[in-house]
Each structure stands twice: as structure tokens, then as C-alpha cells.
Amino acid sequence: MGLEFVDSVVAEQLRRLLRHQGACSMSLAAESVMKPSALVKECDTQDGIVLLHPKTGMMFPLDAVGTVVWKGIKDGLSLQQIAQQIATNSNVLQEQVRTDLEEYVAQLRDAQLLDSAGSGESKTHWLRTLLKKLFRRRPSQAVA
């Protein structure tokens, strides 16, 4: 099933998704393969998919382009493959789509909706665990 997008509509939807999710400084490699977090619940609506992160209580509505991105991630596609799919079905340059897509996916990760494929936990989990171990309160030792 081909997606029929008008170039300006796709670009605007990606930009709107970025504005909606907030600014992000994280950059991802185009070859990155992501996977949905095991905690995330999703619901299909006529307007797209709505994601729910039960731990944070946050809901994330996805429009048509966001739904394409989410389904591509669930199908195990790389960011490059998702960008190519969107660019092929629109008149937007693949480079522009990829740049916007990398920012958007980084925001999904920041919202704890995604994990890196091949890792069952987020990349920051090991750091949190280490910090907890380092700064764990130790019982004070009595001096004899």
C-alpha cells in the first residue's frame, strides 16, 4: 500500500511532531535500529496511533507520518530505511527527511518510548544502576 504525501505536508508534519515533542540535542546514526520500549502501550485511532507510557503517565498522539515512523520501528527498519520510505512516497529530499526523523526518534527515546535494538534496556540504565551503587547509603560503622 503506497502512501501518498504532498512534499510540504510531510515536511510540515515532521516539523510539527518535533515542536510538539520539544527540543532535543541527541543525534542518532542513520543506521540505528530502534525498538519500542516494552512498557509502551499503543492504541490505533482513525487519526493515527496514540502511545501511552504507563510509568510516566504520558500520552503521545502520532499523526500519519508519526504512525509511519512508529510502524517502521516496530518492523525493525533502520532510520535510513524509514527515511527512504517517507521520501519515496513524497517529494521531500531524503536528506531532509532523515535529519527531521533523527531528531524525532531521539525525542521518542528521551520520552522513554524507544530502546536501542539489541539492548533490553535503555542506554542510560547502566549509568543509573552504577550511580545507585556508588551513592547507596551505607550504615555508619561504630567506632570502638
C-alpha atoms as a PDB file:
ATOM      1  CA  MET A   1       0.000   0.000   0.000  1.00  0.00           C
ATOM      2  CA  GLY A   2       1.589   3.260  -1.149  1.00  0.00           C
ATOM      3  CA  LEU A   3       1.458   6.363   0.950  1.00  0.00           C
ATOM      4  CA  GLU A   4       0.538   9.483  -0.938  1.00  0.00           C
ATOM      5  CA  PHE A   5       2.006  12.569   0.646  1.00  0.00           C
ATOM      6  CA  VAL A   6       2.485  16.052  -0.691  1.00  0.00           C
ATOM      7  CA  ASP A   7       6.059  17.223  -0.067  1.00  0.00           C
ATOM      8  CA  SER A   8       5.149  20.226   2.044  1.00  0.00           C
ATOM      9  CA  VAL A   9       2.653  18.216   4.097  1.00  0.00           C
ATOM     10  CA  VAL A  10       5.268  15.605   5.060  1.00  0.00           C
ATOM     11  CA  ALA A  11       7.861  18.209   5.960  1.00  0.00           C
ATOM     12  CA  GLU A  12       5.332  20.192   7.984  1.00  0.00           C
ATOM     13  CA  GLN A  13       4.084  17.096   9.823  1.00  0.00           C
ATOM     14  CA  LEU A  14       7.624  16.125  10.811  1.00  0.00           C
ATOM     15  CA  ARG A  15       8.344  19.671  11.975  1.00  0.00           C
ATOM     16  CA  ARG A  16       5.081  19.759  13.928  1.00  0.00           C
ATOM     17  CA  LEU A  17       5.967  16.450  15.574  1.00  0.00           C
ATOM     18  CA  LEU A  18       9.324  17.921  16.562  1.00  0.00           C
ATOM     19  CA  ARG A  19       7.750  21.070  18.002  1.00  0.00           C
ATOM     20  CA  HIS A  20       5.104  19.019  19.807  1.00  0.00           C
ATOM     21  CA  GLN A  21       7.669  16.764  21.472  1.00  0.00           C
ATOM     22  CA  GLY A  22      10.063  19.620  22.386  1.00  0.00           C
ATOM     23  CA  ALA A  23      13.677  20.362  21.589  1.00  0.00           C
ATOM     24  CA  CYS A  24      16.272  17.625  21.593  1.00  0.00           C
ATOM     25  CA  SER A  25      20.040  17.641  21.353  1.00  0.00           C
ATOM     26  CA  MET A  26      20.560  13.917  20.799  1.00  0.00           C
ATOM     27  CA  SER A  27      21.655  12.729  17.361  1.00  0.00           C
ATOM     28  CA  LEU A  28      21.338   9.172  16.124  1.00  0.00           C
ATOM     29  CA  ALA A  29      23.151   7.360  13.357  1.00  0.00           C
ATOM     30  CA  ALA A  30      21.061   6.724  10.250  1.00  0.00           C
ATOM     31  CA  GLU A  31      21.845   3.020  10.537  1.00  0.00           C
ATOM     32  CA  SER A  32      20.400   2.910  14.043  1.00  0.00           C
ATOM     33  CA  VAL A  33      17.702   0.351  14.609  1.00  0.00           C
ATOM     34  CA  MET A  34      15.368   1.119  17.448  1.00  0.00           C
ATOM     35  CA  LYS A  35      12.637  -0.892  19.126  1.00  0.00           C
ATOM     36  CA  PRO A  36       9.604   0.145  21.146  1.00  0.00           C
ATOM     37  CA  SER A  37      10.069   0.054  24.893  1.00  0.00           C
ATOM     38  CA  ALA A  38       8.404  -2.999  26.427  1.00  0.00           C
ATOM     39  CA  LEU A  39       6.434  -0.673  28.717  1.00  0.00           C
ATOM     40  CA  VAL A  40       4.772   1.337  25.942  1.00  0.00           C
ATOM     41  CA  LYS A  41       1.128   0.623  25.125  1.00  0.00           C
ATOM     42  CA  GLU A  42      -0.407   1.713  21.847  1.00  0.00           C
ATOM     43  CA  CYS A  43      -3.893   2.287  20.544  1.00  0.00           C
ATOM     44  CA  ASP A  44      -4.894   2.724  16.894  1.00  0.00           C
ATOM     45  CA  THR A  45      -7.292   5.576  16.185  1.00  0.00           C
ATOM     46  CA  GLN A  46      -8.643   6.971  12.950  1.00  0.00           C
ATOM     47  CA  ASP A  47      -6.149   9.852  13.275  1.00  0.00           C
ATOM     48  CA  GLY A  48      -3.119   7.635  13.904  1.00  0.00           C
ATOM     49  CA  ILE A  49      -1.585   5.812  16.813  1.00  0.00           C
ATOM     50  CA  VAL A  50      -1.639   7.021  20.414  1.00  0.00           C
ATOM     51  CA  LEU A  51       1.235   5.832  22.603  1.00  0.00           C
ATOM     52  CA  LEU A  52       0.987   5.560  26.382  1.00  0.00           C
ATOM     53  CA  HIS A  53       3.915   5.232  28.731  1.00  0.00           C
ATOM     54  CA  PRO A  54       2.261   3.867  31.880  1.00  0.00           C
ATOM     55  CA  LYS A  55       5.253   4.591  34.110  1.00  0.00           C
ATOM     56  CA  THR A  56       5.256   8.315  33.307  1.00  0.00           C
ATOM     57  CA  GLY A  57       1.535   8.572  32.520  1.00  0.00           C
ATOM     58  CA  MET A  58       2.343  10.472  29.326  1.00  0.00           C
ATOM     59  CA  MET A  59       0.296  10.030  26.144  1.00  0.00           C
ATOM     60  CA  PHE A  60       1.796  10.688  22.726  1.00  0.00           C
ATOM     61  CA  PRO A  61      -0.569  11.039  19.762  1.00  0.00           C
ATOM     62  CA  LEU A  62       1.063  10.286  16.402  1.00  0.00           C
ATOM     63  CA  ASP A  63      -0.252  11.710  13.154  1.00  0.00           C
ATOM     64  CA  ALA A  64       0.080   9.979   9.749  1.00  0.00           C
ATOM     65  CA  VAL A  65       3.843  10.486   9.450  1.00  0.00           C
ATOM     66  CA  GLY A  66       4.453   9.631  13.110  1.00  0.00           C
ATOM     67  CA  THR A  67       2.444   6.441  12.563  1.00  0.00           C
ATOM     68  CA  VAL A  68       4.627   5.520   9.573  1.00  0.00           C
ATOM     69  CA  VAL A  69       7.716   6.092  11.715  1.00  0.00           C
ATOM     70  CA  TRP A  70       6.351   4.027  14.618  1.00  0.00           C
ATOM     71  CA  LYS A  71       5.317   1.130  12.377  1.00  0.00           C
ATOM     72  CA  GLY A  72       8.736   1.185  10.696  1.00  0.00           C
ATOM     73  CA  ILE A  73      10.412   0.995  14.092  1.00  0.00           C
ATOM     74  CA  LYS A  74       8.155  -1.884  15.133  1.00  0.00           C
ATOM     75  CA  ASP A  75       9.025  -3.668  11.863  1.00  0.00           C
ATOM     76  CA  GLY A  76      12.733  -3.379  12.695  1.00  0.00           C
ATOM     77  CA  LEU A  77      13.616  -0.899   9.955  1.00  0.00           C
ATOM     78  CA  SER A  78      16.655   1.348  10.338  1.00  0.00           C
ATOM     79  CA  LEU A  79      16.217   5.100  10.416  1.00  0.00           C
ATOM     80  CA  GLN A  80      17.700   5.205   6.925  1.00  0.00           C
ATOM     81  CA  GLN A  81      15.071   2.756   5.657  1.00  0.00           C
ATOM     82  CA  ILE A  82      12.238   4.692   7.305  1.00  0.00           C
ATOM     83  CA  ALA A  83      13.530   7.981   5.856  1.00  0.00           C
ATOM     84  CA  GLN A  84      13.772   6.377   2.428  1.00  0.00           C
ATOM     85  CA  GLN A  85      10.203   5.073   2.705  1.00  0.00           C
ATOM     86  CA  ILE A  86       8.857   8.523   3.616  1.00  0.00           C
ATOM     87  CA  ALA A  87      10.945  10.303   0.958  1.00  0.00           C
ATOM     88  CA  THR A  88       9.931   7.788  -1.726  1.00  0.00           C
ATOM     89  CA  ASN A  89       6.253   8.441  -1.057  1.00  0.00           C
ATOM     90  CA  SER A  90       6.644  12.213  -1.038  1.00  0.00           C
ATOM     91  CA  ASN A  91       8.556  14.923  -2.832  1.00  0.00           C
ATOM     92  CA  VAL A  92      10.793  15.699   0.159  1.00  0.00           C
ATOM     93  CA  LEU A  93      14.533  15.132  -0.157  1.00  0.00           C
ATOM     94  CA  GLN A  94      15.645  12.056   1.733  1.00  0.00           C
ATOM     95  CA  GLU A  95      18.391  14.023   3.494  1.00  0.00           C
ATOM     96  CA  GLN A  96      15.831  16.471   4.945  1.00  0.00           C
ATOM     97  CA  VAL A  97      13.521  13.624   5.984  1.00  0.00           C
ATOM     98  CA  ARG A  98      16.425  11.787   7.636  1.00  0.00           C
ATOM     99  CA  THR A  99      17.523  14.866   9.575  1.00  0.00           C
ATOM    100  CA  ASP A 100      14.000  15.518  10.875  1.00  0.00           C
ATOM    101  CA  LEU A 101      13.493  11.813  11.555  1.00  0.00           C
ATOM    102  CA  GLU A 102      16.679  11.534  13.627  1.00  0.00           C
ATOM    103  CA  GLU A 103      15.531  14.429  15.822  1.00  0.00           C
ATOM    104  CA  TYR A 104      12.044  12.972  16.192  1.00  0.00           C
ATOM    105  CA  VAL A 105      13.310   9.486  17.095  1.00  0.00           C
ATOM    106  CA  ALA A 106      15.725  10.981  19.619  1.00  0.00           C
ATOM    107  CA  GLN A 107      12.744  12.680  21.252  1.00  0.00           C
ATOM    108  CA  LEU A 108      10.880   9.365  21.390  1.00  0.00           C
ATOM    109  CA  ARG A 109      13.922   7.896  23.135  1.00  0.00           C
ATOM    110  CA  ASP A 110      14.100  10.808  25.561  1.00  0.00           C
ATOM    111  CA  ALA A 111      10.440  10.146  26.384  1.00  0.00           C
ATOM    112  CA  GLN A 112      11.428   6.518  27.139  1.00  0.00           C
ATOM    113  CA  LEU A 113       9.265   5.189  24.308  1.00  0.00           C
ATOM    114  CA  LEU A 114      12.186   3.546  22.481  1.00  0.00           C
ATOM    115  CA  ASP A 115      15.208   1.419  23.250  1.00  0.00           C
ATOM    116  CA  SER A 116      18.137   0.532  21.028  1.00  0.00           C
ATOM    117  CA  ALA A 117      17.601  -2.782  19.276  1.00  0.00           C
ATOM    118  CA  GLY A 118      19.830  -5.454  20.715  1.00  0.00           C
ATOM    119  CA  SER A 119      19.615  -3.957  24.167  1.00  0.00           C
ATOM    120  CA  GLY A 120      16.819  -4.883  26.511  1.00  0.00           C
ATOM    121  CA  GLU A 121      17.266  -1.690  28.455  1.00  0.00           C
ATOM    122  CA  SER A 122      17.891   1.935  27.718  1.00  0.00           C
ATOM    123  CA  LYS A 123      21.463   3.129  27.342  1.00  0.00           C
ATOM    124  CA  THR A 124      21.187   5.202  30.496  1.00  0.00           C
ATOM    125  CA  HIS A 125      20.057   2.299  32.676  1.00  0.00           C
ATOM    126  CA  TRP A 126      23.623   1.140  33.355  1.00  0.00           C
ATOM    127  CA  LEU A 127      24.561   4.648  34.475  1.00  0.00           C
ATOM    128  CA  ARG A 128      21.604   4.895  36.848  1.00  0.00           C
ATOM    129  CA  THR A 129      22.465   1.496  38.309  1.00  0.00           C
ATOM    130  CA  LEU A 130      26.106   2.468  38.758  1.00  0.00           C
ATOM    131  CA  LEU A 131      25.220   5.760  40.443  1.00  0.00           C
ATOM    132  CA  LYS A 132      22.825   3.990  42.814  1.00  0.00           C
ATOM    133  CA  LYS A 133      25.567   1.553  43.795  1.00  0.00           C
ATOM    134  CA  LEU A 134      28.154   4.283  44.247  1.00  0.00           C
ATOM    135  CA  PHE A 135      25.955   6.569  46.288  1.00  0.00           C
ATOM    136  CA  ARG A 136      23.986   3.973  48.214  1.00  0.00           C
ATOM    137  CA  ARG A 137      23.765   4.887  51.851  1.00  0.00           C
ATOM    138  CA  ARG A 138      25.962   2.646  53.882  1.00  0.00           C
ATOM    139  CA  PRO A 139      25.302   2.055  57.567  1.00  0.00           C
ATOM    140  CA  SER A 140      27.710   4.072  59.632  1.00  0.00           C
ATOM    141  CA  GLN A 141      30.267   1.983  61.430  1.00  0.00           C
ATOM    142  CA  ALA A 142      30.520   2.453  65.176  1.00  0.00           C
ATOM    143  CA  VAL A 143      33.951   3.340  66.447  1.00  0.00           C
ATOM    144  CA  ALA A 144      35.061   1.090  69.341  1.00  0.00           C
END
